[in-house]
Every structure is written in C-alpha cells, then in structure tokens.
Amino acid sequence: MRKMKFFEDKLRNREVKLTPQRKATLDVLLENPSRHMSTEEIYALVKKKFPEIGLATIYRTLQLFDECDIIKKLNFGDGCYRYELSEDEKHQHHHLVCLKCGQVYEFDDDLLEELEHQIETKNEFKIIDHMVKFLGYCKKCQGS
C-alpha cells in the first residue's frame, strides 16, 4: 500500500491521472516485483484483471511510467525490453542474465563505489547511478 501511494504521488506531481488501466498495470508490476516482465507478459496479466484493455494501452502506459520514473526499462539482449519498478535508491540492484534459459537474477552487492569515486574525480563527472548486467549461465544450465 505504501509503494502504491509513492507511485501515485509521482504521477500526481507530474499532473498525470491514475486511470483504471494505469492502476491495473501498476498493480501487476507491484504484485510481480522481481519478474522483469516484457510488455506482452504485463499485458497478459493486466488483461486477466481488466479484460477490455488493449496492448497499445499497455505500451503507452509503460512509456508514461518510464517518463515519470515509475519503472526502469531494461534491455537484456533477448530482443525485447523488460520492466521493473524504479525504487528511490541511489543505486539499483544489478542483474545476472543466463544466456541459455534467459532467466534474470537480481543481486544487490554494490562493489563499484570506490571505482565510481575514482571515475568522478578523474573525469570531473558527477555520477548519479549505474547499471550492471553480467551474462553467463545459471547453475541449472551449467549442468545440462
């Protein structure tokens, strides 16, 4: 409930109305926080709750949510964008992507702070965030 209010406030601050379709989409994202779903996967789940919704509405909603910093648009190199909720942290978690099964795993270890500081100092550049993805094979795929 607290997260829903947080995202509602972000929309309100940008004078964007939370329509029933947008709320249904946001509900699906909140109910699946670590799934890294594609537009089509989100559409399928929203359609169960809101049968009359169209795929174009989901595309527009996700674009709006991205512009309002409610979601992050991720590219794992599998031919489609995936989405996750944007948290109000300095750094987001990072991702491990299995090249065989396509599974995406999150990890929170942030070992880049010292490197980030060095880059800022050397280049006179203020870093506000970074994203890291590692490509490889999960335990299950290594065994097969």
N, C-alpha and C. Protein backbone atom coordinates (compact mmCIF):
# COMPACT_ATOMS: atom_id res chain seq x y z
N MET A 1 0.82 -1.20 0.00
CA MET A 1 0.00 0.00 0.00
C MET A 1 0.87 1.27 0.00
N ARG A 2 1.97 1.22 0.77
CA ARG A 2 2.86 2.36 0.85
C ARG A 2 3.51 2.65 -0.50
N LYS A 3 3.89 1.57 -1.21
CA LYS A 3 4.52 1.74 -2.51
C LYS A 3 3.52 2.31 -3.52
N MET A 4 2.27 1.86 -3.46
CA MET A 4 1.26 2.38 -4.38
C MET A 4 1.12 3.88 -4.18
N LYS A 5 1.08 4.32 -2.95
CA LYS A 5 0.96 5.76 -2.65
C LYS A 5 2.17 6.52 -3.20
N PHE A 6 3.35 5.94 -3.03
CA PHE A 6 4.58 6.54 -3.53
C PHE A 6 4.49 6.77 -5.04
N PHE A 7 4.02 5.77 -5.78
CA PHE A 7 3.92 5.90 -7.23
C PHE A 7 2.76 6.81 -7.64
N GLU A 8 1.68 6.77 -6.89
CA GLU A 8 0.56 7.69 -7.15
C GLU A 8 1.03 9.13 -6.99
N ASP A 9 1.84 9.39 -5.97
CA ASP A 9 2.37 10.74 -5.74
C ASP A 9 3.28 11.19 -6.89
N LYS A 10 4.08 10.25 -7.43
CA LYS A 10 4.94 10.59 -8.57
C LYS A 10 4.09 11.02 -9.76
N LEU A 11 3.00 10.31 -10.00
CA LEU A 11 2.11 10.67 -11.11
C LEU A 11 1.45 12.02 -10.85
N ARG A 12 0.95 12.20 -9.64
CA ARG A 12 0.27 13.45 -9.29
C ARG A 12 1.21 14.64 -9.42
N ASN A 13 2.47 14.46 -9.02
CA ASN A 13 3.46 15.55 -9.14
C ASN A 13 3.68 15.97 -10.58
N ARG A 14 3.45 15.06 -11.50
CA ARG A 14 3.59 15.38 -12.93
C ARG A 14 2.24 15.66 -13.58
N GLU A 15 1.23 15.79 -12.72
CA GLU A 15 -0.14 16.09 -13.17
C GLU A 15 -0.66 15.03 -14.15
N VAL A 16 -0.37 13.76 -13.83
CA VAL A 16 -0.82 12.63 -14.63
C VAL A 16 -1.89 11.89 -13.83
N LYS A 17 -3.01 11.63 -14.48
CA LYS A 17 -4.13 10.97 -13.84
C LYS A 17 -3.89 9.45 -13.76
N LEU A 18 -4.26 8.86 -12.63
CA LEU A 18 -4.16 7.41 -12.47
C LEU A 18 -5.48 6.79 -12.93
N THR A 19 -5.55 6.47 -14.22
CA THR A 19 -6.76 5.88 -14.80
C THR A 19 -6.87 4.43 -14.32
N PRO A 20 -8.04 3.81 -14.47
CA PRO A 20 -8.18 2.40 -14.08
C PRO A 20 -7.19 1.49 -14.83
N GLN A 21 -6.91 1.79 -16.10
CA GLN A 21 -5.97 0.98 -16.87
C GLN A 21 -4.55 1.13 -16.32
N ARG A 22 -4.18 2.34 -15.96
CA ARG A 22 -2.85 2.58 -15.40
C ARG A 22 -2.73 1.94 -14.03
N LYS A 23 -3.81 2.02 -13.24
CA LYS A 23 -3.78 1.39 -11.92
C LYS A 23 -3.64 -0.12 -12.05
N ALA A 24 -4.36 -0.73 -12.98
CA ALA A 24 -4.26 -2.18 -13.19
C ALA A 24 -2.84 -2.57 -13.59
N THR A 25 -2.22 -1.76 -14.44
CA THR A 25 -0.84 -2.02 -14.86
C THR A 25 0.11 -1.89 -13.68
N LEU A 26 -0.07 -0.85 -12.89
CA LEU A 26 0.77 -0.64 -11.72
C LEU A 26 0.58 -1.77 -10.71
N ASP A 27 -0.67 -2.23 -10.53
CA ASP A 27 -0.93 -3.36 -9.63
C ASP A 27 -0.14 -4.60 -10.06
N VAL A 28 -0.15 -4.89 -11.35
CA VAL A 28 0.59 -6.05 -11.86
C VAL A 28 2.08 -5.91 -11.58
N LEU A 29 2.62 -4.73 -11.79
CA LEU A 29 4.05 -4.51 -11.52
C LEU A 29 4.36 -4.65 -10.03
N LEU A 30 3.47 -4.15 -9.18
CA LEU A 30 3.67 -4.26 -7.73
C LEU A 30 3.55 -5.70 -7.25
N GLU A 31 2.68 -6.48 -7.88
CA GLU A 31 2.48 -7.88 -7.50
C GLU A 31 3.60 -8.80 -7.99
N ASN A 32 4.42 -8.32 -8.92
CA ASN A 32 5.50 -9.12 -9.52
C ASN A 32 6.80 -8.34 -9.50
N PRO A 33 7.30 -7.99 -8.31
CA PRO A 33 8.41 -7.05 -8.22
C PRO A 33 9.73 -7.51 -8.82
N SER A 34 9.97 -8.80 -8.93
CA SER A 34 11.29 -9.22 -9.42
C SER A 34 11.21 -10.07 -10.68
N ARG A 35 10.11 -9.92 -11.44
CA ARG A 35 9.93 -10.77 -12.62
C ARG A 35 10.54 -10.24 -13.90
N HIS A 36 10.86 -8.97 -14.01
CA HIS A 36 11.45 -8.40 -15.23
C HIS A 36 10.63 -8.79 -16.45
N MET A 37 9.38 -8.40 -16.45
CA MET A 37 8.43 -8.81 -17.48
C MET A 37 8.52 -7.95 -18.73
N SER A 38 8.21 -8.58 -19.86
CA SER A 38 8.11 -7.87 -21.14
C SER A 38 6.75 -7.20 -21.21
N THR A 39 6.57 -6.36 -22.21
CA THR A 39 5.27 -5.70 -22.42
C THR A 39 4.17 -6.74 -22.57
N GLU A 40 4.42 -7.78 -23.34
CA GLU A 40 3.41 -8.80 -23.60
C GLU A 40 3.06 -9.58 -22.33
N GLU A 41 4.05 -9.84 -21.48
CA GLU A 41 3.78 -10.54 -20.22
C GLU A 41 2.94 -9.66 -19.29
N ILE A 42 3.27 -8.38 -19.24
CA ILE A 42 2.48 -7.44 -18.42
C ILE A 42 1.06 -7.37 -18.97
N TYR A 43 0.93 -7.27 -20.28
CA TYR A 43 -0.38 -7.21 -20.93
C TYR A 43 -1.23 -8.43 -20.55
N ALA A 44 -0.66 -9.62 -20.62
CA ALA A 44 -1.41 -10.84 -20.31
C ALA A 44 -1.93 -10.82 -18.88
N LEU A 45 -1.13 -10.34 -17.94
CA LEU A 45 -1.57 -10.28 -16.54
C LEU A 45 -2.60 -9.19 -16.31
N VAL A 46 -2.42 -8.03 -16.94
CA VAL A 46 -3.39 -6.94 -16.79
C VAL A 46 -4.73 -7.35 -17.41
N LYS A 47 -4.68 -8.03 -18.53
CA LYS A 47 -5.89 -8.45 -19.24
C LYS A 47 -6.76 -9.37 -18.37
N LYS A 48 -6.16 -10.14 -17.49
CA LYS A 48 -6.92 -11.01 -16.57
C LYS A 48 -7.77 -10.15 -15.62
N LYS A 49 -7.26 -8.99 -15.23
CA LYS A 49 -7.96 -8.11 -14.30
C LYS A 49 -8.84 -7.11 -15.02
N PHE A 50 -8.45 -6.76 -16.24
CA PHE A 50 -9.09 -5.70 -17.00
C PHE A 50 -9.26 -6.19 -18.43
N PRO A 51 -10.22 -7.11 -18.67
CA PRO A 51 -10.32 -7.82 -19.96
C PRO A 51 -10.43 -6.95 -21.21
N GLU A 52 -10.98 -5.76 -21.08
CA GLU A 52 -11.16 -4.92 -22.27
C GLU A 52 -9.93 -4.09 -22.65
N ILE A 53 -8.84 -4.21 -21.91
CA ILE A 53 -7.65 -3.41 -22.19
C ILE A 53 -6.96 -3.91 -23.47
N GLY A 54 -6.35 -2.98 -24.21
CA GLY A 54 -5.63 -3.33 -25.42
C GLY A 54 -4.13 -3.26 -25.22
N LEU A 55 -3.40 -3.96 -26.07
CA LEU A 55 -1.95 -3.97 -25.99
C LEU A 55 -1.36 -2.57 -26.18
N ALA A 56 -1.96 -1.78 -27.07
CA ALA A 56 -1.47 -0.41 -27.31
C ALA A 56 -1.55 0.43 -26.04
N THR A 57 -2.59 0.21 -25.25
CA THR A 57 -2.74 0.94 -23.97
C THR A 57 -1.60 0.58 -23.02
N ILE A 58 -1.22 -0.69 -23.00
CA ILE A 58 -0.11 -1.12 -22.14
C ILE A 58 1.18 -0.48 -22.61
N TYR A 59 1.42 -0.46 -23.92
CA TYR A 59 2.63 0.19 -24.45
C TYR A 59 2.67 1.67 -24.03
N ARG A 60 1.56 2.37 -24.20
CA ARG A 60 1.52 3.80 -23.83
C ARG A 60 1.70 3.99 -22.33
N THR A 61 1.09 3.11 -21.54
CA THR A 61 1.20 3.21 -20.08
C THR A 61 2.63 2.99 -19.63
N LEU A 62 3.29 1.98 -20.20
CA LEU A 62 4.68 1.72 -19.83
C LEU A 62 5.59 2.87 -20.24
N GLN A 63 5.34 3.45 -21.39
CA GLN A 63 6.12 4.61 -21.83
C GLN A 63 5.93 5.77 -20.86
N LEU A 64 4.69 6.02 -20.46
CA LEU A 64 4.39 7.09 -19.49
C LEU A 64 5.05 6.80 -18.15
N PHE A 65 4.96 5.56 -17.67
CA PHE A 65 5.58 5.19 -16.40
C PHE A 65 7.09 5.36 -16.46
N ASP A 66 7.69 5.06 -17.60
CA ASP A 66 9.13 5.25 -17.77
C ASP A 66 9.47 6.74 -17.69
N GLU A 67 8.70 7.58 -18.37
CA GLU A 67 8.92 9.03 -18.35
C GLU A 67 8.74 9.61 -16.95
N CYS A 68 7.86 9.01 -16.16
CA CYS A 68 7.58 9.50 -14.80
C CYS A 68 8.49 8.84 -13.75
N ASP A 69 9.46 8.04 -14.19
CA ASP A 69 10.40 7.36 -13.30
C ASP A 69 9.70 6.40 -12.34
N ILE A 70 8.66 5.75 -12.82
CA ILE A 70 7.97 4.74 -12.03
C ILE A 70 8.56 3.36 -12.32
N ILE A 71 9.01 3.18 -13.55
CA ILE A 71 9.64 1.92 -13.94
C ILE A 71 10.97 2.20 -14.60
N LYS A 72 11.78 1.17 -14.68
CA LYS A 72 13.02 1.20 -15.44
C LYS A 72 12.85 0.25 -16.61
N LYS A 73 13.26 0.72 -17.76
CA LYS A 73 13.21 -0.07 -19.00
C LYS A 73 14.57 -0.75 -19.15
N LEU A 74 14.57 -2.07 -19.21
CA LEU A 74 15.81 -2.83 -19.22
C LEU A 74 15.96 -3.60 -20.53
N ASN A 75 17.18 -3.70 -21.00
CA ASN A 75 17.48 -4.47 -22.21
C ASN A 75 18.50 -5.54 -21.84
N PHE A 76 18.07 -6.79 -21.86
CA PHE A 76 18.96 -7.89 -21.52
C PHE A 76 19.49 -8.60 -22.77
N GLY A 77 19.28 -8.00 -23.94
CA GLY A 77 19.80 -8.57 -25.17
C GLY A 77 19.00 -9.74 -25.70
N ASP A 78 17.75 -9.89 -25.24
CA ASP A 78 16.93 -11.02 -25.70
C ASP A 78 15.87 -10.59 -26.71
N GLY A 79 16.01 -9.38 -27.25
CA GLY A 79 15.10 -8.94 -28.30
C GLY A 79 13.88 -8.18 -27.83
N CYS A 80 13.70 -8.03 -26.52
CA CYS A 80 12.56 -7.23 -26.04
C CYS A 80 12.97 -6.48 -24.78
N TYR A 81 12.28 -5.38 -24.56
CA TYR A 81 12.51 -4.64 -23.33
C TYR A 81 11.77 -5.32 -22.19
N ARG A 82 12.35 -5.22 -21.02
CA ARG A 82 11.72 -5.74 -19.81
C ARG A 82 11.64 -4.59 -18.82
N TYR A 83 10.75 -4.71 -17.88
CA TYR A 83 10.48 -3.60 -16.97
C TYR A 83 10.52 -4.06 -15.52
N GLU A 84 10.95 -3.13 -14.68
CA GLU A 84 10.88 -3.33 -13.23
C GLU A 84 10.57 -1.99 -12.59
N LEU A 85 10.00 -2.04 -11.41
CA LEU A 85 9.68 -0.80 -10.70
C LEU A 85 10.95 -0.06 -10.33
N SER A 86 10.88 1.24 -10.39
CA SER A 86 12.01 2.09 -10.05
C SER A 86 11.89 2.47 -8.58
N GLU A 87 12.90 2.14 -7.84
CA GLU A 87 12.90 2.47 -6.41
C GLU A 87 13.65 3.78 -6.22
N ASP A 88 13.43 4.40 -5.08
CA ASP A 88 14.11 5.67 -4.78
C ASP A 88 15.41 5.41 -4.03
N GLU A 89 16.32 4.67 -4.64
CA GLU A 89 17.61 4.39 -4.05
C GLU A 89 18.67 5.09 -4.89
N LYS A 90 19.85 5.26 -4.33
CA LYS A 90 20.93 5.84 -5.14
C LYS A 90 21.28 4.88 -6.28
N HIS A 91 21.43 3.60 -5.96
CA HIS A 91 21.78 2.62 -6.97
C HIS A 91 20.75 1.51 -6.98
N GLN A 92 20.42 1.07 -8.15
CA GLN A 92 19.53 -0.06 -8.29
C GLN A 92 20.34 -1.34 -8.12
N HIS A 93 19.63 -2.44 -7.97
CA HIS A 93 20.31 -3.73 -7.93
C HIS A 93 20.83 -4.05 -9.33
N HIS A 94 21.61 -5.08 -9.42
CA HIS A 94 22.21 -5.47 -10.69
C HIS A 94 21.64 -6.81 -11.12
N HIS A 95 22.02 -7.26 -12.31
CA HIS A 95 21.38 -8.44 -12.89
C HIS A 95 22.40 -9.45 -13.41
N LEU A 96 22.05 -10.72 -13.24
CA LEU A 96 22.76 -11.84 -13.84
C LEU A 96 21.81 -12.42 -14.88
N VAL A 97 22.24 -12.54 -16.12
CA VAL A 97 21.36 -13.00 -17.20
C VAL A 97 21.92 -14.29 -17.77
N CYS A 98 21.11 -15.36 -17.71
CA CYS A 98 21.53 -16.65 -18.26
C CYS A 98 21.33 -16.63 -19.78
N LEU A 99 22.40 -16.90 -20.50
CA LEU A 99 22.36 -16.87 -21.96
C LEU A 99 21.62 -18.07 -22.56
N LYS A 100 21.43 -19.12 -21.76
CA LYS A 100 20.77 -20.32 -22.28
C LYS A 100 19.25 -20.28 -22.05
N CYS A 101 18.84 -20.11 -20.81
CA CYS A 101 17.40 -20.16 -20.50
C CYS A 101 16.76 -18.77 -20.43
N GLY A 102 17.57 -17.71 -20.39
CA GLY A 102 17.04 -16.35 -20.36
C GLY A 102 16.62 -15.86 -18.99
N GLN A 103 16.78 -16.68 -17.97
CA GLN A 103 16.41 -16.29 -16.60
C GLN A 103 17.24 -15.10 -16.16
N VAL A 104 16.61 -14.17 -15.46
CA VAL A 104 17.29 -12.98 -14.94
C VAL A 104 17.27 -13.06 -13.42
N TYR A 105 18.42 -12.94 -12.82
CA TYR A 105 18.56 -12.97 -11.37
C TYR A 105 19.04 -11.61 -10.90
N GLU A 106 18.54 -11.15 -9.77
CA GLU A 106 18.96 -9.88 -9.19
C GLU A 106 20.01 -10.12 -8.12
N PHE A 107 20.93 -9.19 -7.98
CA PHE A 107 21.82 -9.21 -6.83
C PHE A 107 22.07 -7.77 -6.39
N ASP A 108 22.28 -7.60 -5.09
CA ASP A 108 22.37 -6.27 -4.50
C ASP A 108 23.78 -5.82 -4.17
N ASP A 109 24.76 -6.70 -4.29
CA ASP A 109 26.12 -6.32 -3.94
C ASP A 109 26.55 -5.14 -4.81
N ASP A 110 26.98 -4.09 -4.17
CA ASP A 110 27.44 -2.92 -4.92
C ASP A 110 28.91 -2.69 -4.58
N LEU A 111 29.75 -3.28 -5.38
CA LEU A 111 31.19 -3.21 -5.13
C LEU A 111 31.86 -2.12 -5.96
N LEU A 112 31.07 -1.27 -6.59
CA LEU A 112 31.61 -0.30 -7.53
C LEU A 112 31.78 1.11 -6.95
N GLU A 113 31.48 1.29 -5.68
CA GLU A 113 31.51 2.64 -5.12
C GLU A 113 32.90 3.27 -5.21
N GLU A 114 33.96 2.53 -4.91
CA GLU A 114 35.31 3.08 -4.99
C GLU A 114 35.67 3.41 -6.43
N LEU A 115 35.35 2.52 -7.36
CA LEU A 115 35.60 2.78 -8.78
C LEU A 115 34.82 4.00 -9.24
N GLU A 116 33.58 4.10 -8.81
CA GLU A 116 32.76 5.26 -9.17
C GLU A 116 33.39 6.56 -8.68
N HIS A 117 33.89 6.55 -7.45
CA HIS A 117 34.54 7.73 -6.89
C HIS A 117 35.77 8.11 -7.72
N GLN A 118 36.57 7.12 -8.11
CA GLN A 118 37.75 7.38 -8.93
C GLN A 118 37.37 7.97 -10.28
N ILE A 119 36.33 7.45 -10.90
CA ILE A 119 35.88 7.96 -12.19
C ILE A 119 35.40 9.40 -12.06
N GLU A 120 34.65 9.68 -10.99
CA GLU A 120 34.17 11.06 -10.77
C GLU A 120 35.34 12.03 -10.63
N THR A 121 36.32 11.65 -9.82
CA THR A 121 37.47 12.52 -9.56
C THR A 121 38.30 12.72 -10.83
N LYS A 122 38.62 11.64 -11.50
CA LYS A 122 39.48 11.72 -12.69
C LYS A 122 38.82 12.49 -13.83
N ASN A 123 37.51 12.35 -13.98
CA ASN A 123 36.81 12.93 -15.13
C ASN A 123 35.98 14.16 -14.80
N GLU A 124 36.01 14.59 -13.51
CA GLU A 124 35.19 15.72 -13.08
C GLU A 124 33.75 15.54 -13.55
N PHE A 125 33.20 14.39 -13.17
CA PHE A 125 31.87 13.98 -13.63
C PHE A 125 31.10 13.46 -12.44
N LYS A 126 29.90 13.98 -12.21
CA LYS A 126 29.07 13.56 -11.08
C LYS A 126 28.19 12.39 -11.51
N ILE A 127 28.48 11.20 -11.00
CA ILE A 127 27.70 10.00 -11.31
C ILE A 127 26.52 9.93 -10.37
N ILE A 128 25.34 9.70 -10.92
CA ILE A 128 24.14 9.58 -10.08
C ILE A 128 23.61 8.14 -10.03
N ASP A 129 24.04 7.30 -10.96
CA ASP A 129 23.58 5.91 -10.96
C ASP A 129 24.44 5.10 -11.93
N HIS A 130 24.34 3.81 -11.83
CA HIS A 130 24.97 2.92 -12.80
C HIS A 130 24.16 1.63 -12.86
N MET A 131 24.30 0.93 -13.97
CA MET A 131 23.62 -0.35 -14.14
C MET A 131 24.65 -1.38 -14.58
N VAL A 132 24.55 -2.56 -14.00
CA VAL A 132 25.48 -3.62 -14.33
C VAL A 132 24.67 -4.87 -14.65
N LYS A 133 25.06 -5.55 -15.74
CA LYS A 133 24.48 -6.85 -16.02
C LYS A 133 25.62 -7.78 -16.40
N PHE A 134 25.58 -8.97 -15.84
CA PHE A 134 26.55 -9.99 -16.14
C PHE A 134 25.86 -11.07 -16.96
N LEU A 135 26.51 -11.49 -18.03
CA LEU A 135 25.97 -12.52 -18.90
C LEU A 135 26.74 -13.82 -18.65
N GLY A 136 26.00 -14.92 -18.59
CA GLY A 136 26.65 -16.21 -18.34
C GLY A 136 25.62 -17.30 -18.31
N TYR A 137 25.89 -18.34 -17.49
CA TYR A 137 25.00 -19.49 -17.42
C TYR A 137 24.65 -19.78 -15.96
N CYS A 138 23.36 -19.93 -15.70
CA CYS A 138 22.88 -20.23 -14.35
C CYS A 138 23.30 -21.65 -13.97
N LYS A 139 23.15 -21.99 -12.71
CA LYS A 139 23.55 -23.29 -12.19
C LYS A 139 22.85 -24.43 -12.94
N LYS A 140 21.57 -24.26 -13.19
CA LYS A 140 20.80 -25.31 -13.87
C LYS A 140 21.32 -25.54 -15.30
N CYS A 141 21.60 -24.45 -16.02
CA CYS A 141 22.05 -24.57 -17.41
C CYS A 141 23.51 -25.04 -17.51
N GLN A 142 24.30 -24.79 -16.47
CA GLN A 142 25.68 -25.28 -16.47
C GLN A 142 25.71 -26.80 -16.42
N GLY A 143 24.71 -27.37 -15.75
CA GLY A 143 24.67 -28.82 -15.58
C GLY A 143 24.13 -29.56 -16.79
N SER A 144 23.46 -28.84 -17.70
CA SER A 144 22.87 -29.54 -18.85
C SER A 144 23.71 -29.40 -20.11
